[in-house]
Amino acid sequence: MSAETIFVSYSSKDRPFALGLVKELQELGANVWIDQLGIGLGEDWDDAIEEALEKSETFMIILSPTSVESRNVKDEVNIAINSKKKLVPILIKQCELPMRLQRRQYADLTNNPDKAIHDILNFLGLQQKASENLKKIMSLIGITEAPKKFFQKIKEENSEKEIEKEVDAEDLLVSEIEIDSAIAMHKKGIKKSWQMIIIVAIASISLFGILGFTKLITVPFEIAAAGSLALNLLSIKPFGTIKKSERYIDLMDLLKLKRERLTRVMNKLTDEEIEKFNTEFYNYIKI
C-alpha cells in the first residue's frame, strides 16, 4: 500500500462517483481519505477534515460545475495549494476551472477517459496493477464510449420555424428546480386540504349544535345528525388529495435520486428513456 495519503475533495452531488473511485483506488493499494469513510462516529466533521487535509501528501479534486462553486471545496483547494501538496485535478464534467487551477494539467475524463485514467494511476504509482480495475473506474462516469450528442427542436425567435440546436444532455431531463417546485406545490396543496378539513369539521360541529341542541331552529335530532354527516362528507376529497400528494412527494424524492444517477450515464440514454423519465415527473404533478 502507498505510504502517502491521498485526500479527496468533491461536491456532495458527485459523491457516487467519488466513493466509487476511492473504492477502486483502495483496491489497487492506494491510501485514500474521503470524508464519508474517514470520519468516525462522534467526530467533528470540520476538525476531522482539517486534520486529514493537513496530514495528506496528495490532494485529489473532483472537478464539476457543482464542485467549483462549493465554498468548502474552494477552501480545501486554497489550503492544498498553499501547503504545496501534490495535486491531482480530475475533470468529470465540463466547467469553468478555478483561477488557481487553470494553468495546471488535469485528467480530463470528459474527453479522453482512457488516457486520463492511465495518467491518474501512473501518477499515483498504480499503473502496473490497473488493468482489471480500469473498466470499473470508467464505468463510474459512464463514458466508456464517445460522448453522445443531443439535439432539441426549438422555435426561432420571432418565427414559427423550428430548428435543431445541440444542447447539454442534462438539459433534456426535467431539472432539479422543477422537481423541487413540484414538491413545494404538493406541500402547499396538502396545507390547503388540511385547512379545508378543519373548516368542514368546525362547520359540521356548529351545524349539529345549532340544529340539535338549541331552540333557534327546531328540527328533529335525526335531521340535525344527517345534516352534520352530509357536511362531513365534504372532507373525503381533501383527505384523498392529501394521501395522493404525500405519495407523489415521496416518489419525486426518489425521482431526484434517479435523475442524479441518470446524469452520470447520459451519453448511454436513448431519447425514449429521457422521455420516459420526464413523463414520469409530469404524472406526479397531477392532482
C-alpha atoms as a PDB file:
ATOM      1  CA  MET A   1       0.000   0.000   0.000  1.00  0.00           C
ATOM      2  CA  SER A   2       1.156   3.507  -0.793  1.00  0.00           C
ATOM      3  CA  ALA A   3       2.585   5.272   2.247  1.00  0.00           C
ATOM      4  CA  GLU A   4       1.332   8.661   1.068  1.00  0.00           C
ATOM      5  CA  THR A   5      -2.232   9.677   1.920  1.00  0.00           C
ATOM      6  CA  ILE A   6      -4.494  10.999  -0.843  1.00  0.00           C
ATOM      7  CA  PHE A   7      -7.150  13.490   0.285  1.00  0.00           C
ATOM      8  CA  VAL A   8     -10.252  13.580  -1.959  1.00  0.00           C
ATOM      9  CA  SER A   9     -12.135  16.875  -2.328  1.00  0.00           C
ATOM     10  CA  TYR A  10     -15.520  16.789  -4.089  1.00  0.00           C
ATOM     11  CA  SER A  11     -19.059  18.170  -4.204  1.00  0.00           C
ATOM     12  CA  SER A  12     -21.813  16.218  -2.466  1.00  0.00           C
ATOM     13  CA  LYS A  13     -23.587  15.903  -5.821  1.00  0.00           C
ATOM     14  CA  ASP A  14     -20.560  13.994  -7.138  1.00  0.00           C
ATOM     15  CA  ARG A  15     -20.443  11.668  -4.117  1.00  0.00           C
ATOM     16  CA  PRO A  16     -21.411   8.449  -6.002  1.00  0.00           C
ATOM     17  CA  PHE A  17     -18.507   8.922  -8.412  1.00  0.00           C
ATOM     18  CA  ALA A  18     -16.064   9.990  -5.670  1.00  0.00           C
ATOM     19  CA  LEU A  19     -16.875   6.989  -3.449  1.00  0.00           C
ATOM     20  CA  GLY A  20     -16.668   4.589  -6.389  1.00  0.00           C
ATOM     21  CA  LEU A  21     -13.296   5.981  -7.444  1.00  0.00           C
ATOM     22  CA  VAL A  22     -11.947   5.773  -3.882  1.00  0.00           C
ATOM     23  CA  LYS A  23     -13.026   2.127  -3.656  1.00  0.00           C
ATOM     24  CA  GLU A  24     -11.197   1.201  -6.858  1.00  0.00           C
ATOM     25  CA  LEU A  25      -8.056   3.107  -5.847  1.00  0.00           C
ATOM     26  CA  GLN A  26      -8.042   1.425  -2.448  1.00  0.00           C
ATOM     27  CA  GLU A  27      -8.307  -1.975  -4.125  1.00  0.00           C
ATOM     28  CA  LEU A  28      -5.233  -1.040  -6.133  1.00  0.00           C
ATOM     29  CA  GLY A  29      -3.356  -0.316  -2.913  1.00  0.00           C
ATOM     30  CA  ALA A  30      -3.713   3.463  -2.607  1.00  0.00           C
ATOM     31  CA  ASN A  31      -4.104   5.074   0.816  1.00  0.00           C
ATOM     32  CA  VAL A  32      -7.104   7.328   0.139  1.00  0.00           C
ATOM     33  CA  TRP A  33      -9.013   9.506   2.619  1.00  0.00           C
ATOM     34  CA  ILE A  34     -12.557  10.694   1.930  1.00  0.00           C
ATOM     35  CA  ASP A  35     -14.898  12.221   4.494  1.00  0.00           C
ATOM     36  CA  GLN A  36     -17.693   9.655   4.044  1.00  0.00           C
ATOM     37  CA  LEU A  37     -15.361   6.812   5.020  1.00  0.00           C
ATOM     38  CA  GLY A  38     -12.737   8.585   7.119  1.00  0.00           C
ATOM     39  CA  ILE A  39     -14.793  10.349   9.808  1.00  0.00           C
ATOM     40  CA  GLY A  40     -15.657   8.215  12.805  1.00  0.00           C
ATOM     41  CA  LEU A  41     -18.780   8.201  14.939  1.00  0.00           C
ATOM     42  CA  GLY A  42     -18.985  11.306  17.136  1.00  0.00           C
ATOM     43  CA  GLU A  43     -16.102  13.116  15.418  1.00  0.00           C
ATOM     44  CA  ASP A  44     -16.424  16.769  14.484  1.00  0.00           C
ATOM     45  CA  TRP A  45     -16.575  16.989  10.683  1.00  0.00           C
ATOM     46  CA  ASP A  46     -14.672  20.262  10.337  1.00  0.00           C
ATOM     47  CA  ASP A  47     -11.884  19.143  12.678  1.00  0.00           C
ATOM     48  CA  ALA A  48     -11.593  15.707  11.040  1.00  0.00           C
ATOM     49  CA  ILE A  49     -11.416  17.155   7.504  1.00  0.00           C
ATOM     50  CA  GLU A  50      -8.889  19.801   8.531  1.00  0.00           C
ATOM     51  CA  GLU A  51      -6.664  17.199  10.206  1.00  0.00           C
ATOM     52  CA  ALA A  52      -6.896  14.772   7.252  1.00  0.00           C
ATOM     53  CA  LEU A  53      -6.066  17.535   4.778  1.00  0.00           C
ATOM     54  CA  GLU A  54      -3.110  18.660   6.860  1.00  0.00           C
ATOM     55  CA  LYS A  55      -1.677  15.121   7.127  1.00  0.00           C
ATOM     56  CA  SER A  56      -2.168  14.201   3.456  1.00  0.00           C
ATOM     57  CA  GLU A  57       0.589  14.485   0.878  1.00  0.00           C
ATOM     58  CA  THR A  58      -1.590  14.355  -2.250  1.00  0.00           C
ATOM     59  CA  PHE A  59      -4.723  16.385  -2.950  1.00  0.00           C
ATOM     60  CA  MET A  60      -7.226  14.919  -5.432  1.00  0.00           C
ATOM     61  CA  ILE A  61     -10.055  17.209  -6.517  1.00  0.00           C
ATOM     62  CA  ILE A  62     -13.101  16.068  -8.493  1.00  0.00           C
ATOM     63  CA  LEU A  63     -13.927  18.941 -10.853  1.00  0.00           C
ATOM     64  CA  SER A  64     -17.528  19.561 -11.910  1.00  0.00           C
ATOM     65  CA  PRO A  65     -19.900  22.564 -12.154  1.00  0.00           C
ATOM     66  CA  THR A  66     -21.058  21.981  -8.577  1.00  0.00           C
ATOM     67  CA  SER A  67     -17.639  21.381  -7.024  1.00  0.00           C
ATOM     68  CA  VAL A  68     -16.065  24.555  -8.448  1.00  0.00           C
ATOM     69  CA  GLU A  69     -18.906  26.547  -6.866  1.00  0.00           C
ATOM     70  CA  SER A  70     -18.635  24.825  -3.483  1.00  0.00           C
ATOM     71  CA  ARG A  71     -17.223  27.049  -0.718  1.00  0.00           C
ATOM     72  CA  ASN A  72     -15.807  24.020   1.120  1.00  0.00           C
ATOM     73  CA  VAL A  73     -14.044  22.739  -1.990  1.00  0.00           C
ATOM     74  CA  LYS A  74     -12.616  26.210  -2.720  1.00  0.00           C
ATOM     75  CA  ASP A  75     -11.229  26.421   0.819  1.00  0.00           C
ATOM     76  CA  GLU A  76      -9.675  22.953   0.523  1.00  0.00           C
ATOM     77  CA  VAL A  77      -8.070  23.853  -2.826  1.00  0.00           C
ATOM     78  CA  ASN A  78      -6.531  27.008  -1.357  1.00  0.00           C
ATOM     79  CA  ILE A  79      -5.135  25.119   1.630  1.00  0.00           C
ATOM     80  CA  ALA A  80      -3.720  22.368  -0.594  1.00  0.00           C
ATOM     81  CA  ILE A  81      -2.010  24.809  -2.964  1.00  0.00           C
ATOM     82  CA  ASN A  82      -0.659  26.982  -0.147  1.00  0.00           C
ATOM     83  CA  SER A  83       0.655  23.829   1.543  1.00  0.00           C
ATOM     84  CA  LYS A  84       2.341  22.786  -1.739  1.00  0.00           C
ATOM     85  CA  LYS A  85       0.681  19.389  -1.827  1.00  0.00           C
ATOM     86  CA  LYS A  86       0.790  17.204  -4.926  1.00  0.00           C
ATOM     87  CA  LEU A  87      -2.338  17.985  -6.950  1.00  0.00           C
ATOM     88  CA  VAL A  88      -4.452  15.516  -8.915  1.00  0.00           C
ATOM     89  CA  PRO A  89      -7.274  17.505 -10.600  1.00  0.00           C
ATOM     90  CA  ILE A  90      -9.853  15.218 -12.265  1.00  0.00           C
ATOM     91  CA  LEU A  91     -12.442  16.746 -14.595  1.00  0.00           C
ATOM     92  CA  ILE A  92     -15.656  14.682 -14.699  1.00  0.00           C
ATOM     93  CA  LYS A  93     -17.989  17.366 -16.131  1.00  0.00           C
ATOM     94  CA  GLN A  94     -17.176  20.410 -18.232  1.00  0.00           C
ATOM     95  CA  CYS A  95     -16.949  23.534 -16.080  1.00  0.00           C
ATOM     96  CA  GLU A  96     -15.016  26.759 -15.631  1.00  0.00           C
ATOM     97  CA  LEU A  97     -11.918  25.868 -13.650  1.00  0.00           C
ATOM     98  CA  PRO A  98     -10.972  27.843 -10.527  1.00  0.00           C
ATOM     99  CA  MET A  99      -8.348  30.509 -11.225  1.00  0.00           C
ATOM    100  CA  ARG A 100      -5.705  28.713  -9.158  1.00  0.00           C
ATOM    101  CA  LEU A 101      -6.160  25.522 -11.208  1.00  0.00           C
ATOM    102  CA  GLN A 102      -6.462  26.985 -14.715  1.00  0.00           C
ATOM    103  CA  ARG A 103      -2.746  26.683 -15.508  1.00  0.00           C
ATOM    104  CA  ARG A 104      -2.392  23.194 -14.052  1.00  0.00           C
ATOM    105  CA  GLN A 105      -2.651  19.985 -16.049  1.00  0.00           C
ATOM    106  CA  TYR A 106      -5.737  17.954 -15.199  1.00  0.00           C
ATOM    107  CA  ALA A 107      -7.019  14.486 -16.055  1.00  0.00           C
ATOM    108  CA  ASP A 108      -9.893  15.025 -18.472  1.00  0.00           C
ATOM    109  CA  LEU A 109     -12.409  12.196 -18.112  1.00  0.00           C
ATOM    110  CA  THR A 110     -14.871  14.031 -20.384  1.00  0.00           C
ATOM    111  CA  ASN A 111     -12.636  13.960 -23.453  1.00  0.00           C
ATOM    112  CA  ASN A 112     -10.198  11.039 -23.300  1.00  0.00           C
ATOM    113  CA  PRO A 113     -11.151   8.903 -20.289  1.00  0.00           C
ATOM    114  CA  ASP A 114      -8.818   6.030 -21.155  1.00  0.00           C
ATOM    115  CA  LYS A 115      -5.724   8.281 -21.200  1.00  0.00           C
ATOM    116  CA  ALA A 116      -6.941  10.277 -18.189  1.00  0.00           C
ATOM    117  CA  ILE A 117      -7.322   7.197 -16.004  1.00  0.00           C
ATOM    118  CA  HIS A 118      -3.926   5.855 -17.066  1.00  0.00           C
ATOM    119  CA  ASP A 119      -2.384   9.243 -16.203  1.00  0.00           C
ATOM    120  CA  ILE A 120      -4.040   9.237 -12.751  1.00  0.00           C
ATOM    121  CA  LEU A 121      -2.935   5.706 -11.927  1.00  0.00           C
ATOM    122  CA  ASN A 122       0.558   6.296 -13.273  1.00  0.00           C
ATOM    123  CA  PHE A 123       0.915   9.479 -11.174  1.00  0.00           C
ATOM    124  CA  LEU A 124      -0.127   7.508  -8.094  1.00  0.00           C
ATOM    125  CA  GLY A 125       2.246   4.663  -8.911  1.00  0.00           C
ATOM    126  CA  LEU A 126      -0.563   2.194  -9.571  1.00  0.00           C
ATOM    127  CA  GLN A 127      -0.315   1.795 -13.340  1.00  0.00           C
ATOM    128  CA  GLN A 128       1.085  -1.733 -13.326  1.00  0.00           C
ATOM    129  CA  LYS A 129      -1.910  -3.009 -11.349  1.00  0.00           C
ATOM    130  CA  ALA A 130      -4.600  -1.119 -13.223  1.00  0.00           C
ATOM    131  CA  SER A 131      -5.794  -3.446 -15.973  1.00  0.00           C
ATOM    132  CA  GLU A 132      -8.534  -5.220 -14.007  1.00  0.00           C
ATOM    133  CA  ASN A 133      -9.842  -2.001 -12.442  1.00  0.00           C
ATOM    134  CA  LEU A 134      -9.691   0.259 -15.486  1.00  0.00           C
ATOM    135  CA  LYS A 135     -13.145  -0.606 -16.833  1.00  0.00           C
ATOM    136  CA  LYS A 136     -14.682  -0.316 -13.355  1.00  0.00           C
ATOM    137  CA  ILE A 137     -13.341   3.229 -12.981  1.00  0.00           C
ATOM    138  CA  MET A 138     -14.521   4.197 -16.462  1.00  0.00           C
ATOM    139  CA  SER A 139     -17.997   2.816 -15.736  1.00  0.00           C
ATOM    140  CA  LEU A 140     -18.310   5.196 -12.765  1.00  0.00           C
ATOM    141  CA  ILE A 141     -18.612   8.120 -15.139  1.00  0.00           C
ATOM    142  CA  GLY A 142     -20.474   6.256 -17.858  1.00  0.00           C
ATOM    143  CA  ILE A 143     -18.168   7.346 -20.660  1.00  0.00           C
ATOM    144  CA  THR A 144     -16.656   4.132 -21.974  1.00  0.00           C
ATOM    145  CA  GLU A 145     -17.509   5.453 -25.437  1.00  0.00           C
ATOM    146  CA  ALA A 146     -17.505   8.798 -27.221  1.00  0.00           C
ATOM    147  CA  PRO A 147     -19.991  11.278 -25.744  1.00  0.00           C
ATOM    148  CA  LYS A 148     -23.368  11.226 -27.452  1.00  0.00           C
ATOM    149  CA  LYS A 149     -24.652  14.469 -28.930  1.00  0.00           C
ATOM    150  CA  PHE A 150     -28.165  15.625 -28.079  1.00  0.00           C
ATOM    151  CA  PHE A 151     -30.368  17.969 -30.073  1.00  0.00           C
ATOM    152  CA  GLN A 152     -33.574  19.759 -29.198  1.00  0.00           C
ATOM    153  CA  LYS A 153     -36.113  21.316 -31.528  1.00  0.00           C
ATOM    154  CA  ILE A 154     -36.711  24.969 -30.684  1.00  0.00           C
ATOM    155  CA  LYS A 155     -38.585  27.778 -32.415  1.00  0.00           C
ATOM    156  CA  GLU A 156     -36.565  30.580 -33.941  1.00  0.00           C
ATOM    157  CA  GLU A 157     -37.041  33.976 -32.344  1.00  0.00           C
ATOM    158  CA  ASN A 158     -39.947  35.890 -33.936  1.00  0.00           C
ATOM    159  CA  SER A 159     -40.713  32.878 -36.105  1.00  0.00           C
ATOM    160  CA  GLU A 160     -42.769  29.682 -36.056  1.00  0.00           C
ATOM    161  CA  LYS A 161     -39.962  27.799 -37.792  1.00  0.00           C
ATOM    162  CA  GLU A 162     -38.342  25.036 -35.734  1.00  0.00           C
ATOM    163  CA  ILE A 163     -34.610  24.409 -35.773  1.00  0.00           C
ATOM    164  CA  GLU A 164     -32.481  21.723 -34.140  1.00  0.00           C
ATOM    165  CA  LYS A 165     -29.982  23.019 -31.619  1.00  0.00           C
ATOM    166  CA  GLU A 166     -27.313  20.997 -29.837  1.00  0.00           C
ATOM    167  CA  VAL A 167     -27.877  21.077 -26.083  1.00  0.00           C
ATOM    168  CA  ASP A 168     -26.282  19.647 -22.969  1.00  0.00           C
ATOM    169  CA  ALA A 169     -27.691  16.192 -22.352  1.00  0.00           C
ATOM    170  CA  GLU A 170     -28.656  17.072 -18.791  1.00  0.00           C
ATOM    171  CA  ASP A 171     -30.868  19.917 -20.066  1.00  0.00           C
ATOM    172  CA  LEU A 172     -33.190  17.392 -21.704  1.00  0.00           C
ATOM    173  CA  LEU A 173     -34.184  15.961 -18.330  1.00  0.00           C
ATOM    174  CA  VAL A 174     -36.634  17.693 -16.037  1.00  0.00           C
ATOM    175  CA  SER A 175     -34.433  19.865 -13.813  1.00  0.00           C
ATOM    176  CA  GLU A 176     -33.989  19.555 -10.052  1.00  0.00           C
ATOM    177  CA  ILE A 177     -35.532  23.024  -9.731  1.00  0.00           C
ATOM    178  CA  GLU A 178     -38.699  21.808 -11.476  1.00  0.00           C
ATOM    179  CA  ILE A 179     -38.862  18.749  -9.206  1.00  0.00           C
ATOM    180  CA  ASP A 180     -38.379  20.907  -6.084  1.00  0.00           C
ATOM    181  CA  SER A 181     -41.082  23.322  -7.320  1.00  0.00           C
ATOM    182  CA  ALA A 182     -43.482  20.423  -7.847  1.00  0.00           C
ATOM    183  CA  ILE A 183     -42.763  19.103  -4.349  1.00  0.00           C
ATOM    184  CA  ALA A 184     -43.440  22.595  -2.944  1.00  0.00           C
ATOM    185  CA  MET A 185     -46.696  22.723  -4.925  1.00  0.00           C
ATOM    186  CA  HIS A 186     -47.857  19.421  -3.424  1.00  0.00           C
ATOM    187  CA  LYS A 187     -46.919  20.562   0.096  1.00  0.00           C
ATOM    188  CA  LYS A 188     -48.934  23.740  -0.441  1.00  0.00           C
ATOM    189  CA  GLY A 189     -51.875  21.632  -1.652  1.00  0.00           C
ATOM    190  CA  ILE A 190     -51.638  19.449   1.465  1.00  0.00           C
ATOM    191  CA  LYS A 191     -51.753  22.556   3.668  1.00  0.00           C
ATOM    192  CA  LYS A 192     -54.841  23.866   1.856  1.00  0.00           C
ATOM    193  CA  SER A 193     -56.551  20.468   2.120  1.00  0.00           C
ATOM    194  CA  TRP A 194     -55.984  20.358   5.880  1.00  0.00           C
ATOM    195  CA  GLN A 195     -57.404  23.875   6.153  1.00  0.00           C
ATOM    196  CA  MET A 196     -60.490  22.716   4.251  1.00  0.00           C
ATOM    197  CA  ILE A 197     -60.882  19.671   6.527  1.00  0.00           C
ATOM    198  CA  ILE A 198     -60.655  21.856   9.653  1.00  0.00           C
ATOM    199  CA  ILE A 199     -63.211  24.325   8.259  1.00  0.00           C
ATOM    200  CA  VAL A 200     -65.607  21.478   7.391  1.00  0.00           C
ATOM    201  CA  ALA A 201     -65.159  19.918  10.851  1.00  0.00           C
ATOM    202  CA  ILE A 202     -65.899  23.226  12.608  1.00  0.00           C
ATOM    203  CA  ALA A 203     -68.900  23.890  10.366  1.00  0.00           C
ATOM    204  CA  SER A 204     -70.213  20.349  10.944  1.00  0.00           C
ATOM    205  CA  ILE A 205     -69.943  20.608  14.737  1.00  0.00           C
ATOM    206  CA  SER A 206     -71.515  24.068  14.693  1.00  0.00           C
ATOM    207  CA  LEU A 207     -74.397  22.927  12.469  1.00  0.00           C
ATOM    208  CA  PHE A 208     -75.074  19.900  14.642  1.00  0.00           C
ATOM    209  CA  GLY A 209     -75.026  22.034  17.779  1.00  0.00           C
ATOM    210  CA  ILE A 210     -77.327  24.686  16.345  1.00  0.00           C
ATOM    211  CA  LEU A 211     -79.840  22.233  14.890  1.00  0.00           C
ATOM    212  CA  GLY A 212     -79.728  19.601  17.600  1.00  0.00           C
ATOM    213  CA  PHE A 213     -79.276  21.417  20.884  1.00  0.00           C
ATOM    214  CA  THR A 214     -80.538  24.963  20.508  1.00  0.00           C
ATOM    215  CA  LYS A 215     -84.029  26.341  20.173  1.00  0.00           C
ATOM    216  CA  LEU A 216     -83.117  28.803  17.435  1.00  0.00           C
ATOM    217  CA  ILE A 217     -84.258  26.306  14.828  1.00  0.00           C
ATOM    218  CA  THR A 218     -86.432  23.354  15.780  1.00  0.00           C
ATOM    219  CA  VAL A 219     -85.635  20.233  13.780  1.00  0.00           C
ATOM    220  CA  PRO A 220     -85.626  16.534  14.693  1.00  0.00           C
ATOM    221  CA  PHE A 221     -82.350  15.239  16.136  1.00  0.00           C
ATOM    222  CA  GLU A 222     -82.016  12.751  13.266  1.00  0.00           C
ATOM    223  CA  ILE A 223     -82.168  15.503  10.653  1.00  0.00           C
ATOM    224  CA  ALA A 224     -79.519  17.524  12.527  1.00  0.00           C
ATOM    225  CA  ALA A 225     -77.259  14.471  12.647  1.00  0.00           C
ATOM    226  CA  ALA A 226     -77.848  13.747   8.955  1.00  0.00           C
ATOM    227  CA  GLY A 227     -77.028  17.348   8.024  1.00  0.00           C
ATOM    228  CA  SER A 228     -73.831  17.225  10.030  1.00  0.00           C
ATOM    229  CA  LEU A 229     -72.852  13.903   8.418  1.00  0.00           C
ATOM    230  CA  ALA A 230     -73.536  15.253   4.930  1.00  0.00           C
ATOM    231  CA  LEU A 231     -71.274  18.213   5.664  1.00  0.00           C
ATOM    232  CA  ASN A 232     -68.525  15.870   6.878  1.00  0.00           C
ATOM    233  CA  LEU A 233     -68.623  14.052   3.552  1.00  0.00           C
ATOM    234  CA  LEU A 234     -67.106  17.171   2.003  1.00  0.00           C
ATOM    235  CA  SER A 235     -63.813  16.321   3.734  1.00  0.00           C
ATOM    236  CA  ILE A 236     -63.434  12.989   1.910  1.00  0.00           C
ATOM    237  CA  LYS A 237     -61.946  14.576  -1.209  1.00  0.00           C
ATOM    238  CA  PRO A 238     -59.363  16.694   0.706  1.00  0.00           C
ATOM    239  CA  PHE A 239     -58.261  13.554   2.600  1.00  0.00           C
ATOM    240  CA  GLY A 240     -57.785  11.747  -0.715  1.00  0.00           C
ATOM    241  CA  THR A 241     -55.822  14.692  -2.100  1.00  0.00           C
ATOM    242  CA  ILE A 242     -53.514  14.679   0.934  1.00  0.00           C
ATOM    243  CA  LYS A 243     -52.741  10.963   0.587  1.00  0.00           C
ATOM    244  CA  LYS A 244     -52.114  11.332  -3.144  1.00  0.00           C
ATOM    245  CA  SER A 245     -49.845  14.366  -2.698  1.00  0.00           C
ATOM    246  CA  GLU A 246     -47.857  12.699   0.090  1.00  0.00           C
ATOM    247  CA  ARG A 247     -47.227   9.693  -2.150  1.00  0.00           C
ATOM    248  CA  TYR A 248     -46.185  11.927  -5.047  1.00  0.00           C
ATOM    249  CA  ILE A 249     -43.746  13.815  -2.789  1.00  0.00           C
ATOM    250  CA  ASP A 250     -42.116  10.513  -1.798  1.00  0.00           C
ATOM    251  CA  LEU A 251     -41.952   9.427  -5.438  1.00  0.00           C
ATOM    252  CA  MET A 252     -40.408  12.743  -6.533  1.00  0.00           C
ATOM    253  CA  ASP A 253     -37.738  12.465  -3.822  1.00  0.00           C
ATOM    254  CA  LEU A 254     -36.856   9.121  -5.402  1.00  0.00           C
ATOM    255  CA  LEU A 255     -37.036  10.765  -8.824  1.00  0.00           C
ATOM    256  CA  LYS A 256     -34.319  13.243  -7.762  1.00  0.00           C
ATOM    257  CA  LEU A 257     -32.032  10.335  -6.860  1.00  0.00           C
ATOM    258  CA  LYS A 258     -32.882   8.657 -10.157  1.00  0.00           C
ATOM    259  CA  ARG A 259     -32.054  11.882 -12.016  1.00  0.00           C
ATOM    260  CA  GLU A 260     -28.653  12.055 -10.307  1.00  0.00           C
ATOM    261  CA  ARG A 261     -27.860   8.507 -11.456  1.00  0.00           C
ATOM    262  CA  LEU A 262     -29.073   9.173 -14.997  1.00  0.00           C
ATOM    263  CA  THR A 263     -26.952  12.303 -15.421  1.00  0.00           C
ATOM    264  CA  ARG A 264     -23.839  10.194 -14.793  1.00  0.00           C
ATOM    265  CA  VAL A 265     -24.602   7.981 -17.813  1.00  0.00           C
ATOM    266  CA  MET A 266     -26.382  10.487 -20.067  1.00  0.00           C
ATOM    267  CA  ASN A 267     -24.404   9.502 -23.150  1.00  0.00           C
ATOM    268  CA  LYS A 268     -25.885   5.994 -22.928  1.00  0.00           C
ATOM    269  CA  LEU A 269     -29.514   7.101 -22.690  1.00  0.00           C
ATOM    270  CA  THR A 270     -31.862   6.849 -25.649  1.00  0.00           C
ATOM    271  CA  ASP A 271     -34.375   9.571 -26.496  1.00  0.00           C
ATOM    272  CA  GLU A 272     -37.124   7.170 -25.363  1.00  0.00           C
ATOM    273  CA  GLU A 273     -35.523   6.763 -21.899  1.00  0.00           C
ATOM    274  CA  ILE A 274     -35.253  10.540 -21.481  1.00  0.00           C
ATOM    275  CA  GLU A 275     -38.894  10.978 -22.498  1.00  0.00           C
ATOM    276  CA  LYS A 276     -39.934   8.200 -20.079  1.00  0.00           C
ATOM    277  CA  PHE A 277     -38.214   9.972 -17.170  1.00  0.00           C
ATOM    278  CA  ASN A 278     -39.850  13.309 -17.989  1.00  0.00           C
ATOM    279  CA  THR A 279     -43.278  11.688 -18.424  1.00  0.00           C
ATOM    280  CA  GLU A 280     -42.882  10.050 -15.019  1.00  0.00           C
ATOM    281  CA  PHE A 281     -42.339  13.503 -13.497  1.00  0.00           C
ATOM    282  CA  TYR A 282     -45.318  15.091 -15.240  1.00  0.00           C
ATOM    283  CA  ASN A 283     -47.556  12.274 -13.974  1.00  0.00           C
ATOM    284  CA  TYR A 284     -46.522  13.144 -10.410  1.00  0.00           C
ATOM    285  CA  ILE A 285     -47.593  16.785 -10.662  1.00  0.00           C
ATOM    286  CA  LYS A 286     -51.166  15.867 -11.475  1.00  0.00           C
ATOM    287  CA  ILE A 287     -53.560  16.270  -8.543  1.00  0.00           C
END
